[in-house]
Amino acid sequence: MNESKPFDSDDYIFELKLDGLRAVLYYDGKQVCVRNKRNDELIERYPELKNTKNFLNAPCVLDGEIICLTLGMPDFSKLQKRALLTNNFKIKLAMQSNPVQFVAYDILQVNDKVLLDTPLMERKQVLENVVVDSEIVTKSRFIEHNGVKFFELTKEQGLEGIVAKRKDSLYYMGKRTSVWLKIKALIDEDFLICGYKFNDEGKLKDVLLLRDLSKKQGASLVQIKSNGKVEKVKQKQDSKAEEKAIRHNQDKKTIIEYKGTHYQYMGSVAMGISKEDSEYILKFAKSHTVDLPLNISGANFIEPKIYCTVIYMLETDSGHLRQPVYKGIRQDRG
């Protein structure tokens, strides 16, 4: 699947890009099996998916994703916890507390008819007739025409993005084509560099990131003056509210205090760091090495004064960034 920017089109449909585990579900009329991209059988790990057979009207092969939901939205961190379980007793408990769902967005075969050469919209109609929506299995919904507006709505909701698919597209197994386009909702944010690690060759491998919580106290308020100018309204910092928020998040996120300021550790980023930025960071480190209250193996800590911009997809419950890419040092901040 190639990547694209948001667009409108009468030739494409637009679906949510789900934050889950890609899988293929096989139902032979009696039993269900589910396999991932590596062809590993997943039923033992997600045994509740056996019950999808109760909501399928015919033997079929479905392409889709396994997801976990929190308040009706895909939650990848919950799915990761399920994926790591191997103990049968813990898996049974997780089935009750953290159930998964299979979301089908395509159908490759129904009964003995293979549908790979059938246009997408015809496959969608077959899928509609075969899958009965339930808590354990459901069909991926789509919209037509308004890809840009749909993308903006998903971005506002903190979802992963959307996928655009040509209405007349066939199903190409294992091939990247332009008939399916990923449109990611990447987040752009500035973080403070608080350290780095070296690789086996002694070169900078990645940098460690902090979010300055003193800069995150609500949205900026503005007012329009009588002369037409727009000015920011200074807001009083509610120290009690800040401390309460810090205590509330302490169990999930790593919060530290350094020189009277609270920071949240956001993990590390490696992809995208230029040679010039590496040299700049290491030069700064020579005279700005500090001890920070973080227990990170192999880390070299520096004073959090350098801002860098990072783009990423989502933030996990623990406060780390998913698929971060380093964009560069912000020389205009500090």
Protein backbone atom coordinates (compact mmCIF):
# COMPACT_ATOMS: atom_id res chain seq x y z
CA MET A 1 0.00 0.00 0.00
CA ASN A 2 1.47 3.36 -1.04
CA GLU A 3 1.05 6.60 0.89
CA SER A 4 -0.77 9.75 -0.12
CA LYS A 5 -2.10 13.08 1.08
CA PRO A 6 -5.85 13.52 1.69
CA PHE A 7 -7.96 13.97 -1.44
CA ASP A 8 -11.56 13.88 -2.69
CA SER A 9 -12.56 11.55 -5.51
CA ASP A 10 -15.59 9.84 -7.02
CA ASP A 11 -13.35 6.92 -8.05
CA TYR A 12 -12.30 5.93 -4.52
CA ILE A 13 -13.90 4.89 -1.25
CA PHE A 14 -12.40 5.91 2.09
CA GLU A 15 -12.09 3.70 5.18
CA LEU A 16 -10.58 4.09 8.63
CA LYS A 17 -6.98 2.94 8.95
CA LEU A 18 -7.37 0.72 11.99
CA ASP A 19 -4.76 0.57 14.73
CA GLY A 20 -4.68 -3.21 14.90
CA LEU A 21 -3.08 -6.45 13.75
CA ARG A 22 -3.49 -7.36 10.07
CA ALA A 23 -4.87 -10.88 9.70
CA VAL A 24 -6.76 -13.23 7.40
CA LEU A 25 -9.71 -15.23 8.73
CA TYR A 26 -10.60 -18.61 7.21
CA TYR A 27 -13.99 -20.26 7.78
CA ASP A 28 -14.67 -23.65 6.17
CA GLY A 29 -18.26 -23.92 7.35
CA LYS A 30 -17.29 -25.67 10.59
CA GLN A 31 -14.18 -24.12 12.08
CA VAL A 32 -12.37 -20.79 12.06
CA CYS A 33 -8.65 -20.13 11.86
CA VAL A 34 -6.92 -16.76 11.81
CA ARG A 35 -3.40 -16.14 10.52
CA ASN A 36 -1.10 -13.12 10.53
CA LYS A 37 1.28 -11.89 7.82
CA ARG A 38 3.87 -14.51 8.83
CA ASN A 39 1.18 -17.20 8.53
CA ASP A 40 1.19 -17.84 12.31
CA GLU A 41 -2.05 -19.27 13.69
CA LEU A 42 -3.60 -16.80 16.14
CA ILE A 43 -6.66 -18.63 17.49
CA GLU A 44 -4.83 -19.91 20.58
CA ARG A 45 -3.87 -16.33 21.45
CA TYR A 46 -7.33 -14.91 20.65
CA PRO A 47 -9.67 -17.88 21.27
CA GLU A 48 -12.80 -15.70 21.29
CA LEU A 49 -12.41 -15.38 17.50
CA LYS A 50 -13.67 -18.96 17.20
CA ASN A 51 -17.12 -17.49 17.77
CA THR A 52 -16.99 -15.50 14.52
CA LYS A 53 -18.47 -18.58 12.81
CA ASN A 54 -21.80 -17.74 14.46
CA PHE A 55 -21.96 -14.51 12.46
CA LEU A 56 -20.82 -15.74 9.03
CA ASN A 57 -23.47 -16.80 6.53
CA ALA A 58 -21.16 -18.89 4.33
CA PRO A 59 -17.68 -20.41 4.19
CA CYS A 60 -15.31 -17.58 3.34
CA VAL A 61 -11.85 -16.02 3.51
CA LEU A 62 -11.79 -12.52 5.03
CA ASP A 63 -9.04 -9.91 5.02
CA GLY A 64 -9.07 -7.56 7.99
CA GLU A 65 -7.59 -6.57 11.32
CA ILE A 66 -7.80 -7.71 14.91
CA ILE A 67 -8.43 -4.77 17.23
CA CYS A 68 -9.10 -3.96 20.87
CA LEU A 69 -11.40 -1.10 21.75
CA THR A 70 -11.39 1.52 24.47
CA LEU A 71 -14.47 3.74 24.53
CA GLY A 72 -15.26 2.62 21.01
CA MET A 73 -11.84 3.48 19.57
CA PRO A 74 -8.99 1.13 18.56
CA ASP A 75 -6.42 0.77 21.35
CA PHE A 76 -3.11 -0.66 20.12
CA SER A 77 -1.56 -0.79 23.60
CA LYS A 78 -4.32 -3.13 24.78
CA LEU A 79 -3.81 -5.31 21.71
CA GLN A 80 -0.07 -5.46 22.40
CA LYS A 81 -0.76 -6.73 25.91
CA ARG A 82 -2.95 -9.50 24.49
CA ALA A 83 -0.31 -10.37 21.90
CA LEU A 84 2.30 -11.01 24.60
CA LEU A 85 0.18 -13.46 26.59
CA THR A 86 1.00 -17.18 26.36
CA ASN A 87 -0.43 -18.53 29.61
CA ASN A 88 -3.87 -20.09 28.95
CA PHE A 89 -5.32 -18.91 32.25
CA LYS A 90 -4.22 -15.31 31.64
CA ILE A 91 -5.57 -15.49 28.08
CA LYS A 92 -8.98 -16.59 29.41
CA LEU A 93 -9.00 -13.69 31.85
CA ALA A 94 -8.01 -11.27 29.10
CA MET A 95 -10.88 -12.52 26.93
CA GLN A 96 -13.24 -11.06 29.53
CA SER A 97 -11.37 -7.88 30.43
CA ASN A 98 -9.80 -7.09 27.07
CA PRO A 99 -11.76 -8.80 24.25
CA VAL A 100 -10.67 -8.48 20.63
CA GLN A 101 -12.75 -7.97 17.53
CA PHE A 102 -12.13 -8.92 13.91
CA VAL A 103 -12.92 -6.11 11.47
CA ALA A 104 -13.31 -7.40 7.90
CA TYR A 105 -12.63 -4.94 5.12
CA ASP A 106 -12.40 -7.38 2.22
CA ILE A 107 -13.48 -10.85 1.18
CA LEU A 108 -11.22 -13.04 -0.95
CA GLN A 109 -13.43 -16.10 -1.31
CA VAL A 110 -17.03 -17.15 -0.61
CA ASN A 111 -17.98 -20.84 -0.81
CA ASP A 112 -15.88 -22.11 -3.75
CA LYS A 113 -15.74 -18.80 -5.60
CA VAL A 114 -12.42 -16.94 -5.50
CA LEU A 115 -12.94 -13.16 -5.68
CA LEU A 116 -9.42 -11.85 -6.32
CA ASP A 117 -10.35 -10.69 -9.83
CA THR A 118 -13.68 -9.22 -8.77
CA PRO A 119 -13.85 -5.38 -8.54
CA LEU A 120 -13.77 -3.96 -5.02
CA MET A 121 -17.34 -2.66 -4.89
CA GLU A 122 -18.67 -6.08 -5.89
CA ARG A 123 -16.53 -7.69 -3.20
CA LYS A 124 -17.93 -5.18 -0.70
CA GLN A 125 -21.47 -6.28 -1.60
CA VAL A 126 -20.56 -9.93 -1.10
CA LEU A 127 -18.96 -9.02 2.24
CA GLU A 128 -22.16 -7.23 3.26
CA ASN A 129 -24.16 -10.40 2.62
CA VAL A 130 -21.74 -12.79 4.35
CA VAL A 131 -20.78 -11.00 7.60
CA VAL A 132 -23.38 -10.23 10.27
CA ASP A 133 -22.11 -7.36 12.44
CA SER A 134 -21.57 -8.31 16.08
CA GLU A 135 -19.25 -7.62 19.00
CA ILE A 136 -16.81 -10.28 17.78
CA VAL A 137 -16.79 -9.61 14.03
CA THR A 138 -17.89 -6.63 11.99
CA LYS A 139 -17.46 -5.02 8.59
CA SER A 140 -15.30 -1.97 7.96
CA ARG A 141 -17.48 1.00 7.04
CA PHE A 142 -16.55 3.38 4.25
CA ILE A 143 -17.60 6.69 2.75
CA GLU A 144 -17.50 7.97 -0.80
CA HIS A 145 -16.33 11.25 -2.35
CA ASN A 146 -15.29 13.25 0.76
CA GLY A 147 -11.83 11.96 1.60
CA VAL A 148 -10.45 15.26 2.90
CA LYS A 149 -13.25 15.90 5.37
CA PHE A 150 -13.18 12.28 6.52
CA PHE A 151 -9.43 12.52 7.09
CA GLU A 152 -9.79 15.70 9.14
CA LEU A 153 -12.44 14.07 11.32
CA THR A 154 -10.23 11.05 12.02
CA LYS A 155 -7.31 13.35 12.84
CA GLU A 156 -9.46 15.30 15.31
CA GLN A 157 -10.41 12.03 17.02
CA GLY A 158 -6.79 10.96 17.37
CA LEU A 159 -7.21 8.01 15.00
CA GLU A 160 -4.44 6.57 12.85
CA GLY A 161 -5.67 7.85 9.49
CA ILE A 162 -7.62 6.56 6.50
CA VAL A 163 -7.17 4.31 3.48
CA ALA A 164 -8.34 5.26 -0.01
CA LYS A 165 -9.27 2.36 -2.33
CA ARG A 166 -10.20 2.50 -6.00
CA LYS A 167 -13.75 1.27 -6.54
CA ASP A 168 -12.75 -0.85 -9.54
CA SER A 169 -9.59 -2.30 -7.95
CA LEU A 170 -8.88 -6.01 -7.93
CA TYR A 171 -7.20 -7.76 -5.01
CA TYR A 172 -3.42 -7.99 -5.44
CA MET A 173 -1.88 -10.39 -2.95
CA GLY A 174 1.46 -9.31 -1.49
CA LYS A 175 1.92 -6.38 -3.88
CA ARG A 176 2.21 -2.64 -3.26
CA THR A 177 -0.06 -0.78 -5.65
CA SER A 178 -1.53 2.69 -6.09
CA VAL A 179 -5.09 1.35 -5.97
CA TRP A 180 -4.93 1.33 -2.15
CA LEU A 181 -3.42 4.44 -0.54
CA LYS A 182 -2.57 4.98 3.12
CA ILE A 183 -3.24 8.50 4.39
CA LYS A 184 -1.68 8.81 7.83
CA ALA A 185 -2.65 11.37 10.45
CA LEU A 186 0.83 12.24 11.69
CA ILE A 187 1.31 14.47 14.70
CA ASP A 188 3.99 17.18 14.71
CA GLU A 189 5.38 18.25 18.10
CA ASP A 190 8.48 19.78 19.68
CA PHE A 191 10.32 17.90 22.45
CA LEU A 192 13.39 18.52 24.56
CA ILE A 193 16.39 16.25 24.00
CA CYS A 194 17.49 14.90 27.37
CA GLY A 195 20.03 12.29 26.34
CA TYR A 196 21.28 9.87 23.71
CA LYS A 197 22.69 6.40 23.13
CA PHE A 198 25.57 5.15 21.04
CA ASN A 199 25.47 2.26 18.58
CA ASP A 200 28.07 -0.53 18.44
CA GLU A 201 30.28 1.67 16.25
CA GLY A 202 30.36 4.47 18.81
CA LYS A 203 28.10 6.76 16.79
CA LEU A 204 24.93 8.44 18.03
CA LYS A 205 22.08 5.94 17.60
CA ASP A 206 19.06 7.74 19.01
CA VAL A 207 18.04 10.62 21.25
CA LEU A 208 15.82 10.57 24.33
CA LEU A 209 12.86 12.92 24.52
CA LEU A 210 11.08 14.92 27.21
CA ARG A 211 7.83 16.84 27.07
CA ASP A 212 7.85 20.00 29.19
CA LEU A 213 4.63 19.71 31.19
CA SER A 214 4.75 23.35 32.20
CA LYS A 215 4.05 24.17 28.54
CA LYS A 216 1.01 21.87 28.36
CA GLN A 217 -1.39 23.61 30.76
CA GLY A 218 -4.41 23.79 28.52
CA ALA A 219 -4.99 25.49 25.20
CA SER A 220 -3.85 29.06 24.60
CA LEU A 221 -6.65 31.57 25.05
CA VAL A 222 -6.94 34.60 22.77
CA GLN A 223 -9.08 37.70 22.72
CA ILE A 224 -9.84 40.27 20.02
CA LYS A 225 -9.07 43.82 21.08
CA SER A 226 -11.14 46.81 20.02
CA ASN A 227 -8.44 47.77 17.52
CA GLY A 228 -8.86 44.40 15.79
CA LYS A 229 -5.61 42.88 17.05
CA VAL A 230 -5.61 39.34 18.39
CA GLU A 231 -3.62 38.86 21.58
CA LYS A 232 -2.97 35.92 23.87
CA VAL A 233 -4.50 36.03 27.31
CA LYS A 234 -2.05 35.18 30.09
CA GLN A 235 -3.29 32.27 32.15
CA LYS A 236 -2.44 31.60 35.78
CA GLN A 237 -0.76 28.28 36.35
CA ASP A 238 -2.77 26.09 38.72
CA SER A 239 -0.01 24.33 40.63
CA LYS A 240 -2.48 22.15 42.54
CA ALA A 241 -4.11 21.02 39.31
CA GLU A 242 -0.68 20.32 37.81
CA GLU A 243 0.34 18.20 40.80
CA LYS A 244 -2.98 16.33 40.69
CA ALA A 245 -2.55 15.56 36.98
CA ILE A 246 1.00 14.38 37.59
CA ARG A 247 -0.09 12.03 40.38
CA HIS A 248 -2.95 10.72 38.24
CA ASN A 249 -0.61 9.82 35.37
CA GLN A 250 2.27 8.54 37.50
CA ASP A 251 1.18 4.89 37.23
CA LYS A 252 1.24 4.89 33.43
CA LYS A 253 3.67 7.60 32.38
CA THR A 254 7.18 8.44 33.50
CA ILE A 255 7.10 11.89 35.09
CA ILE A 256 10.30 13.47 36.46
CA GLU A 257 11.19 16.77 38.10
CA TYR A 258 14.34 18.66 37.16
CA LYS A 259 15.20 22.12 38.50
CA GLY A 260 11.63 22.74 39.57
CA THR A 261 10.01 21.76 36.26
CA HIS A 262 8.04 18.60 35.62
CA TYR A 263 8.75 16.62 32.46
CA GLN A 264 7.27 13.52 30.88
CA TYR A 265 9.65 10.99 29.36
CA MET A 266 8.47 10.25 25.80
CA GLY A 267 10.88 7.51 24.78
CA SER A 268 13.45 7.81 22.00
CA VAL A 269 13.67 8.50 18.28
CA ALA A 270 16.32 7.21 15.89
CA MET A 271 15.00 7.61 12.36
CA GLY A 272 15.85 10.85 10.58
CA ILE A 273 18.72 12.21 12.70
CA SER A 274 21.21 13.93 10.40
CA LYS A 275 24.98 13.86 10.75
CA GLU A 276 24.95 17.60 11.43
CA ASP A 277 22.42 17.31 14.23
CA SER A 278 24.32 14.38 15.75
CA GLU A 279 27.48 16.47 15.86
CA TYR A 280 25.58 19.42 17.34
CA ILE A 281 24.08 17.29 20.13
CA LEU A 282 27.39 15.61 21.01
CA LYS A 283 29.19 18.96 21.06
CA PHE A 284 26.52 20.35 23.42
CA ALA A 285 26.85 17.25 25.60
CA LYS A 286 30.54 17.88 26.31
CA SER A 287 29.70 20.75 28.64
CA HIS A 288 26.09 19.95 29.58
CA THR A 289 26.17 16.42 31.01
CA VAL A 290 23.75 15.98 33.93
CA ASP A 291 22.17 13.27 36.06
CA LEU A 292 18.45 12.84 35.45
CA PRO A 293 16.10 10.63 37.52
CA LEU A 294 15.58 8.17 34.67
CA ASN A 295 16.59 4.52 34.71
CA ILE A 296 17.49 3.87 31.07
CA SER A 297 20.21 1.40 30.22
CA GLY A 298 23.05 2.78 28.09
CA ALA A 299 21.78 6.35 28.22
CA ASN A 300 23.94 9.46 28.42
CA PHE A 301 21.95 12.35 29.88
CA ILE A 302 22.27 16.00 28.97
CA GLU A 303 20.61 19.17 30.18
CA PRO A 304 17.16 19.48 28.53
CA LYS A 305 17.69 22.69 26.61
CA ILE A 306 17.71 21.62 22.93
CA TYR A 307 14.31 21.41 21.26
CA CYS A 308 13.73 19.13 18.30
CA THR A 309 10.66 18.48 16.17
CA VAL A 310 9.36 14.92 15.85
CA ILE A 311 6.48 13.60 13.77
CA TYR A 312 4.69 10.50 14.98
CA MET A 313 1.45 8.60 14.62
CA LEU A 314 0.05 8.14 18.10
CA GLU A 315 0.99 8.31 21.76
CA THR A 316 0.76 5.10 23.82
CA ASP A 317 -0.75 4.83 27.30
CA SER A 318 2.76 4.85 28.74
CA GLY A 319 3.52 8.12 26.96
CA HIS A 320 5.88 6.83 24.28
CA LEU A 321 5.59 7.74 20.60
CA ARG A 322 4.53 5.30 17.90
CA GLN A 323 6.61 5.37 14.71
CA PRO A 324 8.47 8.61 15.54
CA VAL A 325 10.59 10.34 12.90
CA TYR A 326 13.07 13.05 13.82
CA LYS A 327 12.71 16.22 11.71
CA GLY A 328 15.41 18.51 13.12
CA ILE A 329 16.61 20.85 15.86
CA ARG A 330 14.51 23.92 16.56
CA GLN A 331 17.07 26.69 16.68
CA ASP A 332 14.27 29.20 17.36
CA ARG A 333 13.43 27.58 20.70
CA GLY A 334 15.37 27.20 23.90
